[in-house]
Amino acid sequence: MISSYSDLIQVSRTQQELQRLLFVFCRAELPDQASPEERASFERGEGGALTPVVCVDKTPDEAAEFSVLVEESKATGQSWDIVFVATMSGHGGFEPSSDQAQQPLNMMVESIRLGHISNFLPLNTKGEAISLK
């Protein structure tokens, strides 16, 4: 069971094939036509829509610590509330390249936009796995 970013890194390093991590950082936003109930819920930290704001791919060694990702994300100037993570396996002892990760990363962004998030690991700003309803 993966409950944190450090768990994810440990598991990724035990896989038979080398891994590449795909990250989509999202900001929680209130839709323009939100009802008063939705607004109240959002103010309590619940609900809203998740909007992808930054995406990146890295090897587990390039992002061994969650704090490194947080600092790099600050440099973009984009605030975020949740990061979704997926992994990509290499083949024949070679890790996937950043070029090979672009199509899956774009598909991941589109899936999140459509609300299809069940295949991704959601983490909060502390690197803790969270459950989304």
N, C-alpha and C. Protein backbone atom coordinates (compact mmCIF):
# COMPACT_ATOMS: atom_id res chain seq x y z
N MET A 1 0.84 -1.18 0.00
CA MET A 1 0.00 0.00 0.00
C MET A 1 0.88 1.24 0.00
N ILE A 2 0.67 2.10 -0.94
CA ILE A 2 1.45 3.35 -1.04
C ILE A 2 0.68 4.45 -0.32
N SER A 3 1.29 4.98 0.73
CA SER A 3 0.62 6.03 1.50
C SER A 3 1.35 7.37 1.45
N SER A 4 2.50 7.37 0.77
CA SER A 4 3.26 8.62 0.68
C SER A 4 4.16 8.59 -0.56
N TYR A 5 4.71 9.75 -0.85
CA TYR A 5 5.63 9.86 -1.98
C TYR A 5 6.86 8.99 -1.77
N SER A 6 7.37 8.96 -0.56
CA SER A 6 8.57 8.14 -0.30
C SER A 6 8.26 6.66 -0.52
N ASP A 7 7.03 6.21 -0.19
CA ASP A 7 6.64 4.82 -0.50
C ASP A 7 6.67 4.58 -2.00
N LEU A 8 6.15 5.54 -2.77
CA LEU A 8 6.14 5.42 -4.22
C LEU A 8 7.56 5.26 -4.78
N ILE A 9 8.47 6.10 -4.29
CA ILE A 9 9.86 6.02 -4.76
C ILE A 9 10.46 4.66 -4.42
N GLN A 10 10.22 4.17 -3.21
CA GLN A 10 10.75 2.87 -2.82
C GLN A 10 10.21 1.76 -3.71
N VAL A 11 8.91 1.78 -3.97
CA VAL A 11 8.30 0.75 -4.82
C VAL A 11 8.82 0.86 -6.25
N SER A 12 8.99 2.07 -6.76
CA SER A 12 9.46 2.24 -8.14
C SER A 12 10.87 1.66 -8.32
N ARG A 13 11.65 1.70 -7.26
CA ARG A 13 13.03 1.19 -7.34
C ARG A 13 13.10 -0.33 -7.24
N THR A 14 12.01 -0.97 -6.87
CA THR A 14 12.00 -2.43 -6.76
C THR A 14 11.43 -3.11 -8.00
N GLN A 15 10.97 -2.34 -8.95
CA GLN A 15 10.36 -2.92 -10.16
C GLN A 15 11.43 -3.55 -11.04
N GLN A 16 11.02 -4.56 -11.78
CA GLN A 16 11.95 -5.27 -12.66
C GLN A 16 12.52 -4.34 -13.72
N GLU A 17 11.68 -3.50 -14.30
CA GLU A 17 12.14 -2.55 -15.32
C GLU A 17 12.28 -1.16 -14.71
N LEU A 18 13.19 -0.37 -15.24
CA LEU A 18 13.38 1.00 -14.77
C LEU A 18 12.12 1.82 -15.03
N GLN A 19 11.87 2.78 -14.18
CA GLN A 19 10.64 3.54 -14.21
C GLN A 19 10.87 5.01 -14.56
N ARG A 20 9.83 5.65 -15.07
CA ARG A 20 9.76 7.11 -15.22
C ARG A 20 8.46 7.52 -14.55
N LEU A 21 8.54 8.59 -13.78
CA LEU A 21 7.37 9.10 -13.06
C LEU A 21 6.74 10.24 -13.84
N LEU A 22 5.42 10.23 -13.92
CA LEU A 22 4.67 11.27 -14.61
C LEU A 22 3.88 12.04 -13.56
N PHE A 23 4.01 13.37 -13.56
CA PHE A 23 3.37 14.22 -12.57
C PHE A 23 2.48 15.24 -13.25
N VAL A 24 1.26 15.39 -12.73
CA VAL A 24 0.36 16.45 -13.17
C VAL A 24 -0.08 17.20 -11.91
N PHE A 25 0.37 18.44 -11.80
CA PHE A 25 0.03 19.29 -10.66
C PHE A 25 -1.28 20.00 -10.98
N CYS A 26 -2.22 19.98 -10.03
CA CYS A 26 -3.55 20.54 -10.25
C CYS A 26 -3.93 21.53 -9.14
N ARG A 27 -4.68 22.50 -9.56
CA ARG A 27 -5.22 23.48 -8.61
C ARG A 27 -6.72 23.22 -8.49
N ALA A 28 -7.22 23.27 -7.24
CA ALA A 28 -8.66 23.15 -7.00
C ALA A 28 -9.29 24.51 -7.23
N GLU A 29 -10.34 24.53 -8.06
CA GLU A 29 -11.01 25.78 -8.38
C GLU A 29 -12.51 25.59 -8.27
N LEU A 30 -13.18 26.67 -7.97
CA LEU A 30 -14.63 26.66 -7.89
C LEU A 30 -15.20 27.03 -9.26
N PRO A 31 -16.08 26.20 -9.81
CA PRO A 31 -16.68 26.53 -11.11
C PRO A 31 -17.45 27.85 -11.05
N ASP A 32 -17.50 28.56 -12.16
CA ASP A 32 -18.16 29.87 -12.23
C ASP A 32 -19.63 29.81 -11.82
N GLN A 33 -20.34 28.78 -12.21
CA GLN A 33 -21.77 28.69 -11.91
C GLN A 33 -22.03 27.83 -10.67
N ALA A 34 -21.16 27.89 -9.68
CA ALA A 34 -21.32 27.08 -8.48
C ALA A 34 -22.51 27.56 -7.65
N SER A 35 -23.21 26.60 -7.09
CA SER A 35 -24.35 26.91 -6.22
C SER A 35 -23.83 27.38 -4.86
N PRO A 36 -24.69 27.98 -4.05
CA PRO A 36 -24.26 28.37 -2.69
C PRO A 36 -23.76 27.18 -1.87
N GLU A 37 -24.39 26.01 -2.05
CA GLU A 37 -23.94 24.80 -1.34
C GLU A 37 -22.54 24.40 -1.79
N GLU A 38 -22.31 24.46 -3.10
CA GLU A 38 -20.98 24.13 -3.63
C GLU A 38 -19.94 25.12 -3.13
N ARG A 39 -20.29 26.39 -3.06
CA ARG A 39 -19.35 27.41 -2.55
C ARG A 39 -19.01 27.15 -1.09
N ALA A 40 -20.01 26.83 -0.29
CA ALA A 40 -19.78 26.54 1.14
C ALA A 40 -18.89 25.31 1.29
N SER A 41 -19.15 24.29 0.49
CA SER A 41 -18.34 23.07 0.52
C SER A 41 -16.90 23.37 0.14
N PHE A 42 -16.73 24.18 -0.91
CA PHE A 42 -15.39 24.52 -1.39
C PHE A 42 -14.61 25.29 -0.31
N GLU A 43 -15.29 26.18 0.39
CA GLU A 43 -14.66 26.96 1.45
C GLU A 43 -14.22 26.07 2.62
N ARG A 44 -14.86 24.90 2.77
CA ARG A 44 -14.44 23.93 3.79
C ARG A 44 -13.32 23.02 3.28
N GLY A 45 -12.87 23.25 2.05
CA GLY A 45 -11.81 22.42 1.49
C GLY A 45 -12.31 21.18 0.79
N GLU A 46 -13.58 21.17 0.43
CA GLU A 46 -14.19 20.02 -0.24
C GLU A 46 -14.70 20.45 -1.61
N GLY A 47 -14.75 19.52 -2.53
CA GLY A 47 -15.34 19.79 -3.83
C GLY A 47 -14.48 20.67 -4.72
N GLY A 48 -15.12 21.24 -5.72
CA GLY A 48 -14.43 22.05 -6.71
C GLY A 48 -13.97 21.21 -7.88
N ALA A 49 -13.35 21.86 -8.82
CA ALA A 49 -12.82 21.19 -10.02
C ALA A 49 -11.30 21.23 -9.97
N LEU A 50 -10.68 20.16 -10.42
CA LEU A 50 -9.22 20.10 -10.46
C LEU A 50 -8.75 20.49 -11.85
N THR A 51 -7.93 21.55 -11.90
CA THR A 51 -7.42 22.06 -13.17
C THR A 51 -5.93 21.81 -13.26
N PRO A 52 -5.47 21.02 -14.24
CA PRO A 52 -4.03 20.83 -14.41
C PRO A 52 -3.33 22.15 -14.70
N VAL A 53 -2.23 22.41 -13.99
CA VAL A 53 -1.49 23.66 -14.20
C VAL A 53 -0.04 23.43 -14.62
N VAL A 54 0.54 22.30 -14.24
CA VAL A 54 1.92 21.98 -14.60
C VAL A 54 2.03 20.47 -14.73
N CYS A 55 2.78 20.01 -15.73
CA CYS A 55 3.06 18.58 -15.83
C CYS A 55 4.55 18.39 -16.14
N VAL A 56 5.08 17.28 -15.65
CA VAL A 56 6.50 17.00 -15.83
C VAL A 56 6.73 15.51 -15.66
N ASP A 57 7.80 15.02 -16.26
CA ASP A 57 8.21 13.63 -16.06
C ASP A 57 9.63 13.62 -15.51
N LYS A 58 9.91 12.64 -14.66
CA LYS A 58 11.22 12.52 -14.03
C LYS A 58 11.51 11.06 -13.73
N THR A 59 12.79 10.75 -13.61
CA THR A 59 13.16 9.43 -13.13
C THR A 59 13.07 9.46 -11.60
N PRO A 60 12.97 8.30 -10.96
CA PRO A 60 12.95 8.30 -9.50
C PRO A 60 14.20 8.96 -8.90
N ASP A 61 15.34 8.85 -9.56
CA ASP A 61 16.56 9.49 -9.04
C ASP A 61 16.51 11.01 -9.18
N GLU A 62 15.85 11.50 -10.23
CA GLU A 62 15.75 12.95 -10.43
C GLU A 62 14.81 13.60 -9.42
N ALA A 63 13.91 12.80 -8.86
CA ALA A 63 12.93 13.34 -7.91
C ALA A 63 12.82 12.41 -6.70
N ALA A 64 13.95 12.10 -6.11
CA ALA A 64 13.97 11.17 -4.99
C ALA A 64 13.25 11.73 -3.76
N GLU A 65 13.25 13.02 -3.62
CA GLU A 65 12.60 13.67 -2.47
C GLU A 65 11.44 14.54 -2.95
N PHE A 66 10.32 14.47 -2.24
CA PHE A 66 9.15 15.27 -2.61
C PHE A 66 9.46 16.75 -2.51
N SER A 67 10.30 17.13 -1.57
CA SER A 67 10.65 18.55 -1.39
C SER A 67 11.29 19.13 -2.64
N VAL A 68 12.01 18.32 -3.41
CA VAL A 68 12.62 18.78 -4.66
C VAL A 68 11.52 19.16 -5.66
N LEU A 69 10.50 18.32 -5.76
CA LEU A 69 9.38 18.63 -6.66
C LEU A 69 8.66 19.89 -6.23
N VAL A 70 8.45 20.05 -4.95
CA VAL A 70 7.76 21.23 -4.44
C VAL A 70 8.54 22.49 -4.80
N GLU A 71 9.85 22.47 -4.59
CA GLU A 71 10.67 23.64 -4.91
C GLU A 71 10.67 23.94 -6.40
N GLU A 72 10.77 22.91 -7.22
CA GLU A 72 10.73 23.11 -8.67
C GLU A 72 9.37 23.66 -9.11
N SER A 73 8.31 23.19 -8.48
CA SER A 73 6.98 23.67 -8.86
C SER A 73 6.81 25.15 -8.49
N LYS A 74 7.42 25.57 -7.40
CA LYS A 74 7.35 26.99 -7.02
C LYS A 74 7.99 27.88 -8.07
N ALA A 75 9.02 27.37 -8.73
CA ALA A 75 9.72 28.15 -9.75
C ALA A 75 8.84 28.41 -10.97
N THR A 76 7.76 27.62 -11.14
CA THR A 76 6.86 27.84 -12.28
C THR A 76 5.92 29.01 -12.04
N GLY A 77 5.76 29.38 -10.78
CA GLY A 77 4.82 30.45 -10.45
C GLY A 77 3.37 29.99 -10.38
N GLN A 78 3.13 28.70 -10.54
CA GLN A 78 1.78 28.13 -10.49
C GLN A 78 1.54 27.49 -9.13
N SER A 79 0.49 27.92 -8.46
CA SER A 79 0.13 27.27 -7.20
C SER A 79 -0.64 25.98 -7.52
N TRP A 80 -0.58 25.03 -6.63
CA TRP A 80 -1.28 23.76 -6.84
C TRP A 80 -1.71 23.19 -5.50
N ASP A 81 -2.69 22.30 -5.56
CA ASP A 81 -3.26 21.69 -4.36
C ASP A 81 -3.05 20.18 -4.31
N ILE A 82 -3.04 19.55 -5.48
CA ILE A 82 -2.89 18.10 -5.58
C ILE A 82 -2.00 17.79 -6.77
N VAL A 83 -1.15 16.79 -6.60
CA VAL A 83 -0.38 16.29 -7.74
C VAL A 83 -0.77 14.83 -7.96
N PHE A 84 -1.06 14.50 -9.21
CA PHE A 84 -1.36 13.13 -9.58
C PHE A 84 -0.07 12.52 -10.15
N VAL A 85 0.19 11.27 -9.77
CA VAL A 85 1.41 10.60 -10.21
C VAL A 85 1.04 9.27 -10.87
N ALA A 86 1.75 8.98 -11.94
CA ALA A 86 1.65 7.68 -12.61
C ALA A 86 3.08 7.25 -12.94
N THR A 87 3.25 5.98 -13.23
CA THR A 87 4.57 5.49 -13.59
C THR A 87 4.53 4.86 -14.97
N MET A 88 5.70 4.87 -15.60
CA MET A 88 5.90 4.26 -16.90
C MET A 88 7.08 3.30 -16.79
N SER A 89 6.91 2.09 -17.25
CA SER A 89 8.00 1.11 -17.20
C SER A 89 8.83 1.15 -18.47
N GLY A 90 10.12 0.93 -18.30
CA GLY A 90 11.01 0.82 -19.43
C GLY A 90 10.97 -0.58 -20.00
N HIS A 91 11.90 -0.86 -20.91
CA HIS A 91 11.97 -2.18 -21.54
C HIS A 91 13.43 -2.56 -21.72
N GLY A 92 13.73 -3.83 -21.49
CA GLY A 92 15.07 -4.35 -21.74
C GLY A 92 16.16 -3.67 -20.93
N GLY A 93 15.84 -3.23 -19.73
CA GLY A 93 16.83 -2.59 -18.87
C GLY A 93 17.05 -1.12 -19.14
N PHE A 94 16.28 -0.54 -20.05
CA PHE A 94 16.39 0.89 -20.35
C PHE A 94 15.17 1.61 -19.80
N GLU A 95 15.41 2.76 -19.18
CA GLU A 95 14.28 3.55 -18.67
C GLU A 95 13.63 4.30 -19.82
N PRO A 96 12.34 4.59 -19.70
CA PRO A 96 11.68 5.38 -20.74
C PRO A 96 12.30 6.77 -20.79
N SER A 97 12.40 7.31 -21.99
CA SER A 97 12.95 8.66 -22.14
C SER A 97 11.86 9.70 -21.90
N SER A 98 12.27 10.92 -21.72
CA SER A 98 11.33 12.02 -21.57
C SER A 98 10.47 12.16 -22.83
N ASP A 99 11.07 11.94 -23.99
CA ASP A 99 10.31 12.00 -25.25
C ASP A 99 9.21 10.93 -25.27
N GLN A 100 9.54 9.73 -24.83
CA GLN A 100 8.55 8.66 -24.79
C GLN A 100 7.44 8.95 -23.79
N ALA A 101 7.72 9.76 -22.80
CA ALA A 101 6.73 10.07 -21.76
C ALA A 101 5.74 11.14 -22.18
N GLN A 102 6.01 11.88 -23.25
CA GLN A 102 5.15 13.01 -23.60
C GLN A 102 3.72 12.60 -23.95
N GLN A 103 3.56 11.58 -24.77
CA GLN A 103 2.21 11.14 -25.14
C GLN A 103 1.44 10.64 -23.91
N PRO A 104 2.00 9.75 -23.10
CA PRO A 104 1.27 9.33 -21.89
C PRO A 104 0.99 10.49 -20.94
N LEU A 105 1.90 11.43 -20.84
CA LEU A 105 1.69 12.59 -19.97
C LEU A 105 0.53 13.45 -20.49
N ASN A 106 0.48 13.66 -21.80
CA ASN A 106 -0.63 14.41 -22.39
C ASN A 106 -1.96 13.69 -22.17
N MET A 107 -1.95 12.38 -22.30
CA MET A 107 -3.17 11.59 -22.07
C MET A 107 -3.59 11.67 -20.60
N MET A 108 -2.61 11.70 -19.71
CA MET A 108 -2.89 11.82 -18.29
C MET A 108 -3.56 13.16 -17.98
N VAL A 109 -3.03 14.24 -18.55
CA VAL A 109 -3.62 15.57 -18.36
C VAL A 109 -5.07 15.57 -18.84
N GLU A 110 -5.31 15.01 -20.02
CA GLU A 110 -6.66 14.99 -20.57
C GLU A 110 -7.59 14.13 -19.71
N SER A 111 -7.11 13.01 -19.21
CA SER A 111 -7.93 12.16 -18.33
C SER A 111 -8.34 12.92 -17.07
N ILE A 112 -7.40 13.66 -16.50
CA ILE A 112 -7.70 14.44 -15.30
C ILE A 112 -8.73 15.52 -15.62
N ARG A 113 -8.57 16.18 -16.74
CA ARG A 113 -9.55 17.21 -17.14
C ARG A 113 -10.96 16.63 -17.25
N LEU A 114 -11.04 15.37 -17.68
CA LEU A 114 -12.34 14.72 -17.84
C LEU A 114 -12.83 14.07 -16.55
N GLY A 115 -12.01 14.13 -15.49
CA GLY A 115 -12.41 13.56 -14.21
C GLY A 115 -12.11 12.09 -14.05
N HIS A 116 -11.33 11.53 -14.96
CA HIS A 116 -10.95 10.11 -14.89
C HIS A 116 -9.61 10.01 -14.16
N ILE A 117 -9.67 9.87 -12.85
CA ILE A 117 -8.45 9.94 -12.03
C ILE A 117 -8.11 8.64 -11.30
N SER A 118 -8.90 7.61 -11.48
CA SER A 118 -8.72 6.37 -10.70
C SER A 118 -7.40 5.65 -10.96
N ASN A 119 -6.76 5.89 -12.10
CA ASN A 119 -5.51 5.22 -12.41
C ASN A 119 -4.27 5.95 -11.89
N PHE A 120 -4.48 7.07 -11.19
CA PHE A 120 -3.37 7.89 -10.75
C PHE A 120 -3.33 7.97 -9.23
N LEU A 121 -2.15 8.18 -8.69
CA LEU A 121 -1.98 8.36 -7.25
C LEU A 121 -2.06 9.84 -6.93
N PRO A 122 -3.08 10.26 -6.16
CA PRO A 122 -3.16 11.67 -5.78
C PRO A 122 -2.39 11.92 -4.48
N LEU A 123 -1.59 12.98 -4.48
CA LEU A 123 -0.82 13.36 -3.30
C LEU A 123 -1.13 14.80 -2.95
N ASN A 124 -1.15 15.11 -1.66
CA ASN A 124 -1.34 16.49 -1.24
C ASN A 124 0.00 17.23 -1.27
N THR A 125 0.03 18.45 -0.83
CA THR A 125 1.25 19.28 -0.91
C THR A 125 2.34 18.82 0.05
N LYS A 126 2.02 17.87 0.92
CA LYS A 126 3.01 17.29 1.85
C LYS A 126 3.56 15.96 1.35
N GLY A 127 3.04 15.50 0.20
CA GLY A 127 3.49 14.21 -0.34
C GLY A 127 2.77 13.03 0.24
N GLU A 128 1.61 13.26 0.85
CA GLU A 128 0.82 12.19 1.45
C GLU A 128 -0.27 11.76 0.47
N ALA A 129 -0.45 10.45 0.34
CA ALA A 129 -1.51 9.95 -0.52
C ALA A 129 -2.86 10.32 0.08
N ILE A 130 -3.76 10.75 -0.78
CA ILE A 130 -5.09 11.15 -0.33
C ILE A 130 -6.14 10.41 -1.13
N SER A 131 -7.34 10.38 -0.59
CA SER A 131 -8.47 9.76 -1.27
C SER A 131 -9.38 10.86 -1.78
N LEU A 132 -9.76 10.78 -3.04
CA LEU A 132 -10.67 11.75 -3.62
C LEU A 132 -11.99 11.06 -3.90
N LYS A 133 -13.07 11.76 -3.62
CA LYS A 133 -14.41 11.19 -3.84
C LYS A 133 -15.00 11.72 -5.11
